[in-house]
C-alpha cells in the first residue's frame, strides 16, 4: 500500500517540478527581454537628468563672440560683462519620477530573474 502511495506521489512530484522548471524558464526569458528593453529606455531617459553640454558650449561661444566684438570695436575687454556660465540645472520632477520608475522596473525584473533561477536550482 505504501509503495503504491510513494510511486504515485513521486509521479505527482516529478510533474510538479517539471511544471515549475518550465514556468521558470519562461519567466527567465521574459525577464531577460524585458530588462534589455527597459535598459534601452533608461539609457535615453537618464540623459535628461544631467545638464545639456550644448548649453554650456553656447554660453562659452557667446562669451568668445562678445570678446571678439569688443576687440574689433577697440573697446576694453573688461567693459563687456561676461555672460553667466553658472547656469543652475534642475531636472523636472516628472523626469525624476520617470527615471525612478524605469530603474524600479529594471530592479524588479532582475529580482524576478534571480528568484526564477533560485526556484530552478531548488527544483533540481
N, C-alpha and C. Protein backbone atom coordinates (compact mmCIF):
# COMPACT_ATOMS: atom_id res chain seq x y z
N UNK A 1 0.82 -1.19 0.00
CA UNK A 1 0.00 0.00 0.00
C UNK A 1 0.87 1.26 0.00
N UNK A 2 1.88 1.26 0.86
CA UNK A 2 2.75 2.43 0.92
C UNK A 2 3.57 2.56 -0.35
N UNK A 3 3.96 1.47 -0.93
CA UNK A 3 4.75 1.54 -2.16
C UNK A 3 3.92 2.15 -3.30
N UNK A 4 2.63 1.84 -3.34
CA UNK A 4 1.74 2.43 -4.33
C UNK A 4 1.61 3.93 -4.10
N UNK A 5 1.43 4.30 -2.85
CA UNK A 5 1.34 5.73 -2.50
C UNK A 5 2.63 6.46 -2.86
N UNK A 6 3.79 5.89 -2.53
CA UNK A 6 5.07 6.53 -2.82
C UNK A 6 5.29 6.67 -4.33
N UNK A 7 4.91 5.66 -5.09
CA UNK A 7 5.06 5.72 -6.55
C UNK A 7 4.18 6.82 -7.14
N UNK A 8 2.95 6.89 -6.66
CA UNK A 8 2.02 7.92 -7.15
C UNK A 8 2.49 9.32 -6.72
N UNK A 9 2.95 9.45 -5.49
CA UNK A 9 3.44 10.74 -5.01
C UNK A 9 4.68 11.18 -5.79
N UNK A 10 5.53 10.24 -6.14
CA UNK A 10 6.73 10.57 -6.91
C UNK A 10 6.36 11.05 -8.30
N UNK A 11 5.34 10.45 -8.93
CA UNK A 11 4.89 10.90 -10.25
C UNK A 11 4.34 12.33 -10.17
N UNK A 12 3.53 12.56 -9.14
CA UNK A 12 2.94 13.89 -8.98
C UNK A 12 4.04 14.93 -8.71
N UNK A 13 5.00 14.57 -7.86
CA UNK A 13 6.08 15.50 -7.55
C UNK A 13 6.95 15.79 -8.77
N UNK A 14 7.24 14.78 -9.57
CA UNK A 14 8.04 15.00 -10.77
C UNK A 14 7.30 15.91 -11.75
N UNK A 15 6.00 15.70 -11.89
CA UNK A 15 5.21 16.55 -12.78
C UNK A 15 5.20 17.99 -12.28
N UNK A 16 5.08 18.15 -10.96
CA UNK A 16 5.08 19.49 -10.36
C UNK A 16 6.42 20.18 -10.59
N UNK A 17 7.51 19.47 -10.38
CA UNK A 17 8.84 20.04 -10.58
C UNK A 17 9.06 20.40 -12.04
N UNK A 18 8.60 19.56 -12.96
CA UNK A 18 8.74 19.86 -14.39
C UNK A 18 7.94 21.11 -14.77
N UNK A 19 6.74 21.25 -14.19
CA UNK A 19 5.95 22.46 -14.46
C UNK A 19 6.66 23.69 -13.94
N UNK A 20 7.19 23.60 -12.71
CA UNK A 20 7.90 24.73 -12.14
C UNK A 20 9.11 25.11 -12.98
N UNK A 21 9.85 24.11 -13.42
CA UNK A 21 11.04 24.37 -14.23
C UNK A 21 10.64 25.03 -15.55
N UNK A 22 9.59 24.55 -16.18
CA UNK A 22 9.12 25.16 -17.43
C UNK A 22 8.64 26.58 -17.22
N UNK A 23 7.90 26.79 -16.14
CA UNK A 23 7.43 28.15 -15.84
C UNK A 23 8.59 29.09 -15.58
N UNK A 24 9.58 28.63 -14.85
CA UNK A 24 10.74 29.47 -14.53
C UNK A 24 11.56 29.77 -15.78
N UNK A 25 11.61 28.83 -16.72
CA UNK A 25 12.29 29.10 -17.99
C UNK A 25 11.60 30.25 -18.72
N UNK A 26 10.28 30.21 -18.75
CA UNK A 26 9.53 31.29 -19.39
C UNK A 26 9.73 32.62 -18.69
N UNK A 27 9.73 32.60 -17.37
CA UNK A 27 9.94 33.84 -16.62
C UNK A 27 11.33 34.39 -16.87
N UNK A 28 12.33 33.51 -16.93
CA UNK A 28 13.70 33.97 -17.19
C UNK A 28 13.82 34.61 -18.57
N UNK A 29 13.20 34.01 -19.56
CA UNK A 29 13.25 34.58 -20.92
C UNK A 29 12.55 35.93 -20.94
N UNK A 30 11.36 36.00 -20.35
CA UNK A 30 10.62 37.26 -20.32
C UNK A 30 11.39 38.33 -19.55
N UNK A 31 11.94 37.97 -18.39
CA UNK A 31 12.67 38.95 -17.59
C UNK A 31 13.91 39.45 -18.33
N UNK A 32 14.57 38.57 -19.06
CA UNK A 32 15.74 39.00 -19.83
C UNK A 32 15.38 39.95 -20.95
N UNK A 33 14.33 39.63 -21.69
CA UNK A 33 13.89 40.52 -22.77
C UNK A 33 13.38 41.85 -22.22
N UNK A 34 12.63 41.78 -21.13
CA UNK A 34 12.10 42.99 -20.51
C UNK A 34 13.24 43.87 -20.00
N UNK A 35 14.24 43.26 -19.36
CA UNK A 35 15.38 44.02 -18.85
C UNK A 35 16.14 44.70 -19.98
N UNK A 36 16.30 44.00 -21.09
CA UNK A 36 17.02 44.58 -22.22
C UNK A 36 16.27 45.78 -22.80
N UNK A 37 14.96 45.67 -22.92
CA UNK A 37 14.20 46.79 -23.48
C UNK A 37 14.12 47.96 -22.50
N UNK A 38 13.98 47.67 -21.21
CA UNK A 38 13.94 48.74 -20.22
C UNK A 38 15.29 49.45 -20.16
N UNK A 39 16.37 48.70 -20.31
CA UNK A 39 17.70 49.31 -20.29
C UNK A 39 17.86 50.32 -21.42
N UNK A 40 17.31 50.02 -22.58
CA UNK A 40 17.38 50.96 -23.70
C UNK A 40 16.64 52.25 -23.36
N UNK A 41 15.50 52.14 -22.70
CA UNK A 41 14.76 53.33 -22.30
C UNK A 41 15.50 54.10 -21.20
N UNK A 42 16.13 53.37 -20.29
CA UNK A 42 16.87 54.02 -19.21
C UNK A 42 18.03 54.83 -19.77
N UNK A 43 18.72 54.28 -20.76
CA UNK A 43 19.86 54.99 -21.35
C UNK A 43 19.42 56.34 -21.92
N UNK A 44 18.30 56.35 -22.60
CA UNK A 44 17.82 57.60 -23.19
C UNK A 44 17.22 58.53 -22.14
N UNK A 45 16.53 58.00 -21.18
CA UNK A 45 15.86 58.82 -20.17
C UNK A 45 16.85 59.40 -19.16
N UNK A 46 17.92 58.68 -18.89
CA UNK A 46 18.91 59.12 -17.90
C UNK A 46 19.63 60.38 -18.35
N UNK A 47 19.73 60.58 -19.65
CA UNK A 47 20.39 61.77 -20.19
C UNK A 47 19.65 63.04 -19.78
N UNK A 48 18.37 62.94 -19.54
CA UNK A 48 17.57 64.11 -19.20
C UNK A 48 17.81 64.58 -17.76
N UNK A 49 18.53 63.79 -16.97
CA UNK A 49 18.79 64.16 -15.58
C UNK A 49 20.04 65.01 -15.41
N UNK A 50 20.83 65.15 -16.47
CA UNK A 50 22.05 65.94 -16.39
C UNK A 50 21.92 67.14 -17.33
N UNK A 51 22.70 68.18 -17.05
CA UNK A 51 22.59 69.37 -17.92
C UNK A 51 23.08 69.07 -19.33
N UNK A 52 22.50 69.76 -20.27
CA UNK A 52 22.88 69.60 -21.66
C UNK A 52 24.22 70.29 -21.90
N UNK A 53 25.18 69.55 -22.38
CA UNK A 53 26.51 70.13 -22.61
C UNK A 53 26.45 71.19 -23.72
N UNK A 54 25.45 71.13 -24.54
CA UNK A 54 25.28 72.13 -25.59
C UNK A 54 25.00 73.51 -25.03
N UNK A 55 24.30 73.59 -23.90
CA UNK A 55 24.02 74.89 -23.28
C UNK A 55 25.31 75.56 -22.81
N UNK A 56 26.20 74.79 -22.22
CA UNK A 56 27.48 75.33 -21.78
C UNK A 56 28.30 75.79 -22.97
N UNK A 57 28.29 75.01 -24.03
CA UNK A 57 29.02 75.37 -25.24
C UNK A 57 28.49 76.66 -25.83
N UNK A 58 27.18 76.81 -25.87
CA UNK A 58 26.57 78.04 -26.40
C UNK A 58 26.96 79.23 -25.54
N UNK A 59 26.96 79.09 -24.22
CA UNK A 59 27.33 80.20 -23.34
C UNK A 59 28.79 80.60 -23.55
N UNK A 60 29.66 79.62 -23.70
CA UNK A 60 31.08 79.93 -23.93
C UNK A 60 31.29 80.56 -25.30
N UNK A 61 30.58 80.09 -26.31
CA UNK A 61 30.69 80.70 -27.64
C UNK A 61 30.17 82.13 -27.64
N UNK A 62 29.13 82.40 -26.86
CA UNK A 62 28.63 83.77 -26.74
C UNK A 62 29.67 84.67 -26.09
N UNK A 63 30.37 84.15 -25.09
CA UNK A 63 31.41 84.92 -24.42
C UNK A 63 32.56 85.22 -25.40
N UNK A 64 32.97 84.22 -26.17
CA UNK A 64 34.03 84.43 -27.16
C UNK A 64 33.59 85.45 -28.20
N UNK A 65 32.34 85.34 -28.62
CA UNK A 65 31.81 86.28 -29.62
C UNK A 65 31.80 87.71 -29.08
N UNK A 66 31.38 87.87 -27.84
CA UNK A 66 31.36 89.23 -27.26
C UNK A 66 32.77 89.76 -27.09
N UNK A 67 33.74 88.91 -26.80
CA UNK A 67 35.12 89.35 -26.70
C UNK A 67 35.66 89.77 -28.06
N UNK A 68 35.30 89.02 -29.10
CA UNK A 68 35.74 89.38 -30.45
C UNK A 68 35.13 90.70 -30.90
N UNK A 69 33.87 90.93 -30.56
CA UNK A 69 33.22 92.20 -30.90
C UNK A 69 33.90 93.34 -30.17
N UNK A 70 34.24 93.11 -28.89
CA UNK A 70 34.91 94.16 -28.11
C UNK A 70 36.29 94.47 -28.70
N UNK A 71 37.00 93.45 -29.14
CA UNK A 71 38.32 93.67 -29.74
C UNK A 71 38.20 94.42 -31.06
N UNK A 72 37.21 94.04 -31.88
CA UNK A 72 37.06 94.69 -33.18
C UNK A 72 36.59 96.13 -33.05
N UNK A 73 35.86 96.46 -31.99
CA UNK A 73 35.40 97.83 -31.76
C UNK A 73 36.47 98.66 -31.07
N UNK A 74 37.50 98.02 -30.59
CA UNK A 74 38.57 98.74 -29.89
C UNK A 74 38.20 99.11 -28.47
N UNK A 75 37.20 98.48 -27.92
CA UNK A 75 36.81 98.78 -26.54
C UNK A 75 37.57 97.88 -25.58
N UNK A 76 37.48 98.25 -24.33
CA UNK A 76 38.16 97.50 -23.29
C UNK A 76 37.46 96.15 -23.11
N UNK A 77 38.25 95.10 -22.98
CA UNK A 77 37.67 93.77 -22.80
C UNK A 77 36.94 93.63 -21.48
N UNK A 78 37.38 94.41 -20.48
CA UNK A 78 36.74 94.31 -19.17
C UNK A 78 35.41 95.05 -19.13
N UNK A 79 35.16 95.90 -20.15
CA UNK A 79 33.91 96.66 -20.16
C UNK A 79 32.71 95.77 -20.45
N UNK A 80 32.93 94.73 -21.23
CA UNK A 80 31.83 93.82 -21.55
C UNK A 80 31.67 92.81 -20.43
N UNK A 81 30.50 92.76 -19.83
CA UNK A 81 30.31 91.79 -18.74
C UNK A 81 30.30 90.36 -19.29
N UNK A 82 30.99 89.46 -18.62
CA UNK A 82 30.98 88.08 -19.11
C UNK A 82 29.60 87.46 -18.90
N UNK A 83 29.17 86.67 -19.85
CA UNK A 83 27.87 86.02 -19.68
C UNK A 83 27.94 85.00 -18.55
N UNK A 84 26.83 84.78 -17.97
CA UNK A 84 26.77 83.86 -16.84
C UNK A 84 26.93 82.42 -17.32
N UNK A 85 28.02 81.79 -16.84
CA UNK A 85 28.21 80.37 -17.15
C UNK A 85 27.79 79.52 -15.96
N UNK A 86 27.25 80.17 -14.96
CA UNK A 86 26.79 79.47 -13.76
C UNK A 86 25.32 79.10 -13.90
N UNK A 87 24.99 78.40 -14.93
CA UNK A 87 23.60 78.02 -15.17
C UNK A 87 23.26 76.86 -14.24
N UNK A 88 22.29 77.09 -13.39
CA UNK A 88 21.87 76.05 -12.45
C UNK A 88 20.91 75.10 -13.17
N UNK A 89 21.25 73.84 -13.13
CA UNK A 89 20.40 72.84 -13.79
C UNK A 89 19.56 72.14 -12.74
N UNK A 90 18.29 72.06 -13.00
CA UNK A 90 17.36 71.34 -12.13
C UNK A 90 16.46 70.49 -13.01
N UNK A 91 16.61 69.15 -12.95
CA UNK A 91 15.72 68.32 -13.78
C UNK A 91 14.28 68.44 -13.29
N UNK A 92 13.37 68.29 -14.20
CA UNK A 92 11.96 68.39 -13.83
C UNK A 92 11.57 67.21 -12.94
N UNK A 93 10.60 67.45 -12.11
CA UNK A 93 10.17 66.39 -11.19
C UNK A 93 9.56 65.21 -11.96
N UNK A 94 8.94 65.49 -13.09
CA UNK A 94 8.39 64.39 -13.88
C UNK A 94 9.50 63.51 -14.46
N UNK A 95 10.62 64.13 -14.87
CA UNK A 95 11.75 63.34 -15.38
C UNK A 95 12.36 62.48 -14.27
N UNK A 96 12.45 63.05 -13.08
CA UNK A 96 12.98 62.28 -11.94
C UNK A 96 12.06 61.11 -11.64
N UNK A 97 10.75 61.36 -11.65
CA UNK A 97 9.79 60.29 -11.36
C UNK A 97 9.84 59.20 -12.44
N UNK A 98 9.95 59.60 -13.69
CA UNK A 98 10.02 58.62 -14.78
C UNK A 98 11.27 57.76 -14.63
N UNK A 99 12.40 58.39 -14.31
CA UNK A 99 13.63 57.62 -14.14
C UNK A 99 13.56 56.70 -12.94
N UNK A 100 12.93 57.15 -11.88
CA UNK A 100 12.75 56.27 -10.71
C UNK A 100 11.95 55.04 -11.10
N UNK A 101 10.88 55.25 -11.87
CA UNK A 101 10.06 54.12 -12.29
C UNK A 101 10.81 53.18 -13.24
N UNK A 102 11.61 53.75 -14.15
CA UNK A 102 12.40 52.90 -15.04
C UNK A 102 13.37 52.03 -14.25
N UNK A 103 14.10 52.66 -13.32
CA UNK A 103 15.07 51.89 -12.54
C UNK A 103 14.38 50.88 -11.63
N UNK A 104 13.22 51.25 -11.10
CA UNK A 104 12.46 50.32 -10.27
C UNK A 104 12.01 49.11 -11.08
N UNK A 105 11.54 49.34 -12.30
CA UNK A 105 11.10 48.22 -13.13
C UNK A 105 12.28 47.33 -13.51
N UNK A 106 13.44 47.92 -13.75
CA UNK A 106 14.62 47.11 -14.04
C UNK A 106 15.03 46.28 -12.83
N UNK A 107 14.98 46.90 -11.65
CA UNK A 107 15.34 46.16 -10.43
C UNK A 107 14.37 45.02 -10.18
N UNK A 108 13.08 45.26 -10.38
CA UNK A 108 12.09 44.19 -10.17
C UNK A 108 12.27 43.06 -11.19
N UNK A 109 12.60 43.41 -12.42
CA UNK A 109 12.84 42.36 -13.43
C UNK A 109 14.05 41.52 -13.05
N UNK A 110 15.09 42.16 -12.55
CA UNK A 110 16.27 41.41 -12.13
C UNK A 110 15.99 40.55 -10.90
N UNK A 111 15.16 41.06 -10.00
CA UNK A 111 14.77 40.26 -8.82
C UNK A 111 13.95 39.05 -9.26
N UNK A 112 13.06 39.25 -10.23
CA UNK A 112 12.28 38.11 -10.76
C UNK A 112 13.19 37.08 -11.40
N UNK A 113 14.17 37.54 -12.16
CA UNK A 113 15.10 36.60 -12.79
C UNK A 113 15.91 35.84 -11.75
N UNK A 114 16.35 36.53 -10.71
CA UNK A 114 17.09 35.87 -9.64
C UNK A 114 16.21 34.86 -8.92
N UNK A 115 14.96 35.25 -8.64
CA UNK A 115 14.03 34.34 -7.97
C UNK A 115 13.76 33.11 -8.83
N UNK A 116 13.58 33.31 -10.12
CA UNK A 116 13.34 32.17 -11.02
C UNK A 116 14.54 31.23 -11.05
N UNK A 117 15.72 31.81 -11.04
CA UNK A 117 16.93 30.98 -11.01
C UNK A 117 17.02 30.19 -9.71
N UNK A 118 16.68 30.84 -8.60
CA UNK A 118 16.70 30.14 -7.31
C UNK A 118 15.67 29.01 -7.27
N UNK A 119 14.49 29.24 -7.84
CA UNK A 119 13.47 28.19 -7.87
C UNK A 119 13.94 27.03 -8.74
N UNK A 120 14.58 27.34 -9.86
CA UNK A 120 15.10 26.27 -10.72
C UNK A 120 16.17 25.46 -9.99
N UNK A 121 17.04 26.14 -9.27
CA UNK A 121 18.07 25.42 -8.53
C UNK A 121 17.46 24.57 -7.42
N UNK A 122 16.44 25.10 -6.77
CA UNK A 122 15.80 24.37 -5.69
C UNK A 122 15.04 23.15 -6.22
N UNK A 123 14.49 23.29 -7.44
CA UNK A 123 13.69 22.20 -8.01
C UNK A 123 14.54 21.04 -8.49
N UNK A 124 15.82 21.23 -8.63
CA UNK A 124 16.68 20.14 -9.12
C UNK A 124 16.93 19.12 -8.06
